[in-house]
N, C-alpha and C. Protein backbone atom coordinates (compact mmCIF):
# COMPACT_ATOMS: atom_id res chain seq x y z
N MET A 1 21.65 44.43 174.92
CA MET A 1 21.66 45.44 173.88
C MET A 1 21.43 44.76 172.53
N LEU A 2 20.49 45.26 171.79
CA LEU A 2 20.19 44.71 170.47
C LEU A 2 21.10 45.33 169.42
N PRO A 3 21.47 44.54 168.40
CA PRO A 3 22.29 45.11 167.33
C PRO A 3 21.51 46.16 166.55
N ASP A 4 22.19 47.18 166.11
CA ASP A 4 21.55 48.25 165.34
C ASP A 4 21.59 47.88 163.85
N ILE A 5 20.48 47.31 163.37
CA ILE A 5 20.43 46.92 161.97
C ILE A 5 19.96 48.05 161.07
N THR A 6 19.67 49.20 161.65
CA THR A 6 19.21 50.33 160.84
C THR A 6 20.33 50.89 159.96
N VAL A 7 21.53 50.35 160.12
CA VAL A 7 22.64 50.78 159.26
C VAL A 7 22.36 50.47 157.79
N PHE A 8 21.41 49.60 157.53
CA PHE A 8 21.04 49.26 156.16
C PHE A 8 20.07 50.27 155.56
N GLY A 9 19.66 51.25 156.38
CA GLY A 9 18.81 52.34 155.90
C GLY A 9 17.54 51.83 155.24
N ALA A 10 17.30 52.29 154.02
CA ALA A 10 16.08 51.93 153.29
C ALA A 10 16.00 50.44 152.97
N TYR A 11 17.08 49.72 153.14
CA TYR A 11 17.10 48.29 152.84
C TYR A 11 16.98 47.42 154.10
N THR A 12 16.75 48.05 155.25
CA THR A 12 16.71 47.32 156.51
C THR A 12 15.67 46.20 156.50
N TYR A 13 14.45 46.51 156.13
CA TYR A 13 13.40 45.49 156.12
C TYR A 13 13.75 44.39 155.13
N LEU A 14 14.23 44.75 153.97
CA LEU A 14 14.60 43.77 152.95
C LEU A 14 15.72 42.85 153.44
N VAL A 15 16.72 43.42 154.09
CA VAL A 15 17.84 42.62 154.61
C VAL A 15 17.35 41.62 155.64
N THR A 16 16.47 42.05 156.54
CA THR A 16 15.96 41.11 157.55
C THR A 16 15.16 39.99 156.89
N GLU A 17 14.42 40.33 155.85
CA GLU A 17 13.65 39.29 155.15
C GLU A 17 14.56 38.32 154.42
N LEU A 18 15.64 38.80 153.85
CA LEU A 18 16.58 37.90 153.19
C LEU A 18 17.21 36.95 154.21
N PHE A 19 17.53 37.47 155.38
CA PHE A 19 18.09 36.64 156.45
C PHE A 19 17.10 35.54 156.85
N TRP A 20 15.88 35.96 157.22
CA TRP A 20 14.88 34.98 157.65
C TRP A 20 14.40 34.11 156.49
N GLY A 21 14.40 34.66 155.29
CA GLY A 21 14.05 33.87 154.12
C GLY A 21 15.04 32.74 153.90
N GLY A 22 16.31 33.00 154.17
CA GLY A 22 17.32 31.95 154.07
C GLY A 22 17.07 30.83 155.05
N ILE A 23 16.65 31.19 156.25
CA ILE A 23 16.33 30.18 157.26
C ILE A 23 15.09 29.38 156.82
N ALA A 24 14.07 30.09 156.35
CA ALA A 24 12.86 29.41 155.89
C ALA A 24 13.18 28.45 154.75
N LEU A 25 13.95 28.91 153.79
CA LEU A 25 14.31 28.06 152.65
C LEU A 25 15.13 26.86 153.10
N SER A 26 16.00 27.05 154.07
CA SER A 26 16.79 25.93 154.61
C SER A 26 15.90 24.88 155.24
N LEU A 27 14.90 25.33 156.01
CA LEU A 27 13.97 24.39 156.64
C LEU A 27 13.15 23.64 155.59
N VAL A 28 12.64 24.38 154.61
CA VAL A 28 11.85 23.76 153.55
C VAL A 28 12.71 22.74 152.78
N ALA A 29 13.95 23.11 152.48
CA ALA A 29 14.85 22.21 151.75
C ALA A 29 15.18 20.97 152.58
N TYR A 30 15.50 21.17 153.86
CA TYR A 30 15.85 20.04 154.72
C TYR A 30 14.70 19.03 154.78
N ALA A 31 13.48 19.55 154.89
CA ALA A 31 12.31 18.68 155.01
C ALA A 31 11.79 18.23 153.64
N ASP A 32 12.38 18.74 152.58
CA ASP A 32 11.92 18.46 151.22
C ASP A 32 10.41 18.77 151.12
N ALA A 33 10.05 19.96 151.57
CA ALA A 33 8.65 20.36 151.66
C ALA A 33 8.31 21.49 150.70
N TYR A 34 8.94 21.51 149.55
CA TYR A 34 8.70 22.57 148.57
C TYR A 34 7.24 22.63 148.14
N ARG A 35 6.69 21.49 147.83
CA ARG A 35 5.29 21.44 147.37
C ARG A 35 4.33 21.91 148.46
N GLN A 36 4.53 21.44 149.69
CA GLN A 36 3.66 21.84 150.79
C GLN A 36 3.77 23.34 151.05
N ALA A 37 4.99 23.87 151.01
CA ALA A 37 5.18 25.30 151.23
C ALA A 37 4.53 26.12 150.12
N ALA A 38 4.71 25.69 148.89
CA ALA A 38 4.12 26.42 147.76
C ALA A 38 2.59 26.42 147.84
N ARG A 39 2.01 25.28 148.15
CA ARG A 39 0.54 25.20 148.27
C ARG A 39 0.04 26.12 149.38
N THR A 40 0.72 26.12 150.50
CA THR A 40 0.31 26.94 151.63
C THR A 40 0.42 28.43 151.28
N VAL A 41 1.51 28.81 150.65
CA VAL A 41 1.69 30.20 150.24
C VAL A 41 0.58 30.60 149.27
N LEU A 42 0.29 29.76 148.29
CA LEU A 42 -0.75 30.08 147.30
C LEU A 42 -2.13 30.26 147.94
N ILE A 43 -2.42 29.48 148.95
CA ILE A 43 -3.72 29.58 149.63
C ILE A 43 -3.77 30.84 150.51
N LEU A 44 -2.69 31.14 151.21
CA LEU A 44 -2.71 32.25 152.17
C LEU A 44 -2.40 33.61 151.57
N TYR A 45 -1.74 33.63 150.42
CA TYR A 45 -1.32 34.91 149.84
C TYR A 45 -2.48 35.86 149.55
N PRO A 46 -3.55 35.44 148.88
CA PRO A 46 -4.63 36.40 148.57
C PRO A 46 -5.25 37.07 149.81
N PRO A 47 -5.66 36.32 150.84
CA PRO A 47 -6.20 37.04 152.00
C PRO A 47 -5.15 37.87 152.72
N ALA A 48 -3.91 37.41 152.73
CA ALA A 48 -2.84 38.19 153.37
C ALA A 48 -2.63 39.50 152.63
N TYR A 49 -2.67 39.45 151.30
CA TYR A 49 -2.51 40.66 150.51
C TYR A 49 -3.61 41.66 150.83
N VAL A 50 -4.87 41.22 150.84
CA VAL A 50 -5.99 42.13 151.14
C VAL A 50 -5.85 42.71 152.54
N TRP A 51 -5.51 41.87 153.50
CA TRP A 51 -5.34 42.31 154.88
C TRP A 51 -4.20 43.33 154.96
N ASP A 52 -3.09 43.05 154.34
CA ASP A 52 -1.94 43.94 154.37
C ASP A 52 -2.27 45.27 153.70
N TRP A 53 -2.85 45.21 152.51
CA TRP A 53 -3.21 46.43 151.79
C TRP A 53 -4.14 47.29 152.63
N TYR A 54 -5.16 46.68 153.21
CA TYR A 54 -6.13 47.43 154.00
C TYR A 54 -5.48 48.08 155.22
N THR A 55 -4.70 47.31 155.98
CA THR A 55 -4.10 47.87 157.19
C THR A 55 -3.11 49.00 156.88
N LEU A 56 -2.39 48.88 155.78
CA LEU A 56 -1.51 49.98 155.37
C LEU A 56 -2.34 51.19 154.93
N GLU A 57 -3.40 50.93 154.19
CA GLU A 57 -4.25 52.00 153.66
C GLU A 57 -4.90 52.83 154.76
N VAL A 58 -5.37 52.17 155.82
CA VAL A 58 -6.05 52.89 156.90
C VAL A 58 -5.09 53.39 157.97
N GLY A 59 -3.80 53.08 157.82
CA GLY A 59 -2.80 53.63 158.74
C GLY A 59 -2.57 52.83 160.00
N VAL A 60 -2.87 51.54 159.99
CA VAL A 60 -2.64 50.71 161.17
C VAL A 60 -1.15 50.64 161.49
N PHE A 61 -0.33 50.56 160.45
CA PHE A 61 1.11 50.56 160.66
C PHE A 61 1.82 51.20 159.47
N GLU A 62 3.07 51.58 159.72
CA GLU A 62 3.93 52.15 158.69
C GLU A 62 5.23 51.37 158.66
N ILE A 63 5.91 51.42 157.54
CA ILE A 63 7.18 50.73 157.40
C ILE A 63 8.22 51.75 156.94
N PRO A 64 8.90 52.40 157.90
CA PRO A 64 9.81 53.48 157.52
C PRO A 64 11.12 53.01 156.87
N LEU A 65 11.65 51.87 157.25
CA LEU A 65 12.96 51.44 156.75
C LEU A 65 12.79 50.42 155.62
N ARG A 66 12.26 50.92 154.50
CA ARG A 66 12.00 50.06 153.35
C ARG A 66 12.49 50.73 152.09
N THR A 67 12.52 49.98 151.01
CA THR A 67 13.08 50.48 149.75
C THR A 67 12.21 51.53 149.09
N GLY A 68 10.92 51.51 149.34
CA GLY A 68 10.01 52.43 148.66
C GLY A 68 9.45 51.86 147.38
N VAL A 69 9.89 50.67 147.01
CA VAL A 69 9.37 50.00 145.82
C VAL A 69 8.03 49.36 146.18
N GLU A 70 7.01 49.69 145.39
CA GLU A 70 5.69 49.12 145.64
C GLU A 70 5.24 48.31 144.44
N LEU A 71 4.45 47.30 144.72
CA LEU A 71 3.86 46.45 143.71
C LEU A 71 2.40 46.21 144.11
N ALA A 72 1.49 46.56 143.24
CA ALA A 72 0.05 46.38 143.50
C ALA A 72 -0.38 47.07 144.79
N GLY A 73 0.18 48.22 145.05
CA GLY A 73 -0.27 49.05 146.16
C GLY A 73 0.34 48.78 147.52
N ILE A 74 1.27 47.83 147.60
CA ILE A 74 1.94 47.60 148.88
C ILE A 74 3.44 47.43 148.65
N PRO A 75 4.24 47.69 149.69
CA PRO A 75 5.70 47.58 149.54
C PRO A 75 6.12 46.17 149.12
N ILE A 76 7.14 46.10 148.30
CA ILE A 76 7.67 44.81 147.84
C ILE A 76 8.07 43.94 149.03
N GLU A 77 8.54 44.58 150.09
CA GLU A 77 8.94 43.83 151.28
C GLU A 77 7.75 43.08 151.89
N GLU A 78 6.57 43.67 151.80
CA GLU A 78 5.39 43.00 152.35
C GLU A 78 5.00 41.78 151.51
N HIS A 79 5.19 41.86 150.20
CA HIS A 79 4.94 40.68 149.36
C HIS A 79 5.87 39.54 149.78
N ILE A 80 7.13 39.88 150.00
CA ILE A 80 8.10 38.88 150.44
C ILE A 80 7.68 38.31 151.79
N PHE A 81 7.26 39.17 152.70
CA PHE A 81 6.83 38.74 154.03
C PHE A 81 5.68 37.74 153.93
N MET A 82 4.74 37.99 153.02
CA MET A 82 3.57 37.12 152.88
C MET A 82 3.93 35.77 152.26
N ILE A 83 5.07 35.67 151.66
CA ILE A 83 5.58 34.39 151.16
C ILE A 83 6.43 33.73 152.24
N LEU A 84 7.24 34.53 152.90
CA LEU A 84 8.20 34.05 153.89
C LEU A 84 7.53 33.39 155.10
N VAL A 85 6.53 34.03 155.67
CA VAL A 85 5.94 33.52 156.91
C VAL A 85 5.32 32.13 156.74
N PRO A 86 4.41 31.94 155.77
CA PRO A 86 3.88 30.58 155.64
C PRO A 86 4.93 29.55 155.24
N ALA A 87 5.91 29.96 154.45
CA ALA A 87 6.97 29.02 154.07
C ALA A 87 7.78 28.60 155.30
N MET A 88 8.04 29.54 156.20
CA MET A 88 8.79 29.21 157.42
C MET A 88 7.97 28.28 158.32
N VAL A 89 6.69 28.55 158.43
CA VAL A 89 5.84 27.70 159.27
C VAL A 89 5.82 26.27 158.72
N VAL A 90 5.61 26.14 157.42
CA VAL A 90 5.59 24.81 156.81
C VAL A 90 6.96 24.15 156.96
N GLY A 91 8.02 24.89 156.70
CA GLY A 91 9.37 24.34 156.83
C GLY A 91 9.65 23.85 158.24
N ALA A 92 9.27 24.64 159.24
CA ALA A 92 9.48 24.23 160.64
C ALA A 92 8.64 23.01 160.98
N HIS A 93 7.38 23.02 160.57
CA HIS A 93 6.48 21.90 160.86
C HIS A 93 6.99 20.60 160.22
N GLU A 94 7.36 20.68 158.95
CA GLU A 94 7.81 19.48 158.25
C GLU A 94 9.18 19.02 158.73
N THR A 95 10.02 19.95 159.17
CA THR A 95 11.31 19.58 159.76
C THR A 95 11.09 18.84 161.07
N LEU A 96 10.18 19.34 161.91
CA LEU A 96 9.87 18.64 163.16
C LEU A 96 9.30 17.26 162.89
N ARG A 97 8.44 17.16 161.89
CA ARG A 97 7.86 15.85 161.54
C ARG A 97 8.96 14.88 161.10
N LYS A 98 9.89 15.37 160.29
CA LYS A 98 10.98 14.53 159.80
C LYS A 98 11.88 14.08 160.95
N LEU A 99 12.24 15.00 161.83
CA LEU A 99 13.09 14.66 162.97
C LEU A 99 12.39 13.72 163.93
N ASP A 100 11.09 13.93 164.12
CA ASP A 100 10.31 13.07 165.01
C ASP A 100 10.25 11.65 164.45
N ALA A 101 10.02 11.53 163.15
CA ALA A 101 9.96 10.20 162.51
C ALA A 101 11.29 9.47 162.63
N ALA A 102 12.37 10.24 162.66
CA ALA A 102 13.71 9.64 162.79
C ALA A 102 14.09 9.41 164.24
N GLY A 103 13.20 9.78 165.18
CA GLY A 103 13.50 9.61 166.60
C GLY A 103 14.56 10.54 167.11
N ARG A 104 14.68 11.71 166.49
CA ARG A 104 15.76 12.64 166.84
C ARG A 104 15.28 13.86 167.63
N LEU A 105 14.03 13.86 168.11
CA LEU A 105 13.54 14.98 168.91
C LEU A 105 13.57 14.61 170.39
N PRO A 106 14.02 15.55 171.24
CA PRO A 106 14.04 15.27 172.69
C PRO A 106 12.63 15.28 173.26
N GLY A 107 12.44 14.63 174.38
CA GLY A 107 11.19 14.47 175.12
C GLY A 107 10.01 15.36 174.77
N PRO A 108 9.99 16.62 175.26
CA PRO A 108 8.79 17.44 175.07
C PRO A 108 8.52 17.83 173.61
N LEU A 109 9.52 17.71 172.75
CA LEU A 109 9.33 18.04 171.35
C LEU A 109 8.86 16.85 170.53
N ALA A 110 9.05 15.65 171.07
CA ALA A 110 8.66 14.44 170.34
C ALA A 110 7.15 14.34 170.29
N GLY A 111 6.65 13.91 169.15
CA GLY A 111 5.20 13.80 168.96
C GLY A 111 4.62 12.52 169.52
N GLY A 112 5.44 11.55 169.70
CA GLY A 112 5.20 10.27 170.24
C GLY A 112 3.96 9.63 170.33
């Protein structure tokens, strides 16, 4: 049984992003990968914005549990998402690289 996070109502999407954003920030901080994460976000944000705007505009998906606050034609939560995802990927990648260099990754995870 999955927990019912809809108790946050219009803030449900925002709350989940804050949760996962904390994890992403922790990974980026642990790996000291702020610059790499920022560069990646800056490169990916413009095409992600166009893609997101278009798919919302043509009705590919809807986001019912959101604040309703929009910026530049898309929900504020989507802007956060477009920052969060690449930051988490960079944070995870750089954390694995750091752990691998320290010899702290088990067999199949080691880059060796």
